[in-house]
Amino acid sequence: MTILATGATVGGYVIEQIMQKNIENEGIDPVIATIVRLVVDGLWLSEILGVGDLDSELREKVIKHLIMMTRT
């Protein structure tokens, strides 16, 4: 079990680093790209864990705003 958990963490770290590099090379400010990625990660985790749920209207507004941030 420890090996699986460690492997998942190491694998997850490698995937996260690749994703971060791809995001930074999309042509938008790397800081904005990182903020958007971290917020999306947080939204996903809150939904998976069932904590801090947003009502659907607010969630939609947040996502639209994140998308707008990637286009400026």
Protein backbone atom coordinates (compact mmCIF):
# COMPACT_ATOMS: atom_id res chain seq x y z
CA MET A 1 0.00 0.00 0.00
CA THR A 2 2.79 2.43 0.85
CA ILE A 3 4.48 1.69 -2.47
CA LEU A 4 1.26 2.37 -4.36
CA ALA A 5 0.69 5.61 -2.51
CA THR A 6 4.28 6.72 -3.07
CA GLY A 7 4.11 5.75 -6.73
CA ALA A 8 0.88 7.66 -7.18
CA THR A 9 2.40 10.71 -5.52
CA VAL A 10 5.55 10.55 -7.64
CA GLY A 11 3.52 9.91 -10.81
CA GLY A 12 1.12 12.70 -9.90
CA TYR A 13 4.03 15.05 -9.33
CA VAL A 14 5.50 14.26 -12.75
CA ILE A 15 2.15 14.75 -14.46
CA GLU A 16 1.61 18.02 -12.59
CA GLN A 17 5.03 19.29 -13.69
CA ILE A 18 4.28 18.43 -17.33
CA MET A 19 0.87 20.11 -17.09
CA GLN A 20 2.44 23.20 -15.52
CA LYS A 21 5.02 23.49 -18.33
CA ASN A 22 2.27 23.08 -20.95
CA ILE A 23 0.18 25.77 -19.26
CA GLU A 24 3.13 28.15 -19.12
CA ASN A 25 3.75 27.66 -22.85
CA GLU A 26 0.18 28.52 -23.92
CA GLY A 27 1.06 32.14 -24.55
CA ILE A 28 -0.64 33.64 -21.52
CA ASP A 29 1.02 35.04 -18.43
CA PRO A 30 2.42 32.04 -16.50
CA VAL A 31 1.21 33.57 -13.21
CA ILE A 32 -2.38 33.84 -14.51
CA ALA A 33 -2.15 30.32 -15.95
CA THR A 34 -0.95 28.95 -12.61
CA ILE A 35 -3.68 30.78 -10.67
CA VAL A 36 -6.32 29.35 -13.01
CA ARG A 37 -4.88 25.82 -12.69
CA LEU A 38 -4.80 26.02 -8.90
CA VAL A 39 -8.37 27.33 -8.71
CA VAL A 40 -9.61 24.60 -11.04
CA ASP A 41 -7.79 22.01 -8.92
CA GLY A 42 -9.50 23.45 -5.83
CA LEU A 43 -12.94 23.40 -7.47
CA TRP A 44 -12.43 19.81 -8.52
CA LEU A 45 -11.25 18.71 -5.07
CA SER A 46 -14.08 20.51 -3.28
CA GLU A 47 -16.60 18.75 -5.53
CA ILE A 48 -14.93 15.35 -5.07
CA LEU A 49 -14.75 15.76 -1.29
CA GLY A 50 -18.17 17.40 -1.01
CA VAL A 51 -16.89 20.41 0.91
CA GLY A 52 -17.42 24.08 0.17
CA ASP A 53 -19.94 23.40 -2.57
CA LEU A 54 -20.88 26.41 -4.66
CA ASP A 55 -24.39 26.90 -5.90
CA SER A 56 -24.63 26.27 -9.63
CA GLU A 57 -25.02 29.95 -10.55
CA LEU A 58 -21.89 31.01 -8.66
CA ARG A 59 -19.93 28.01 -9.96
CA GLU A 60 -20.82 28.94 -13.54
CA LYS A 61 -19.78 32.56 -12.95
CA VAL A 62 -16.45 31.45 -11.46
CA ILE A 63 -15.72 29.17 -14.42
CA LYS A 64 -16.65 31.87 -16.95
CA HIS A 65 -14.37 34.31 -15.16
CA LEU A 66 -11.50 31.79 -15.18
CA ILE A 67 -11.96 31.32 -18.91
CA MET A 68 -11.92 35.11 -19.40
CA MET A 69 -8.67 35.28 -17.42
CA THR A 70 -7.01 32.95 -19.92
CA ARG A 71 -8.03 35.13 -22.88
CA THR A 72 -6.56 38.43 -21.74
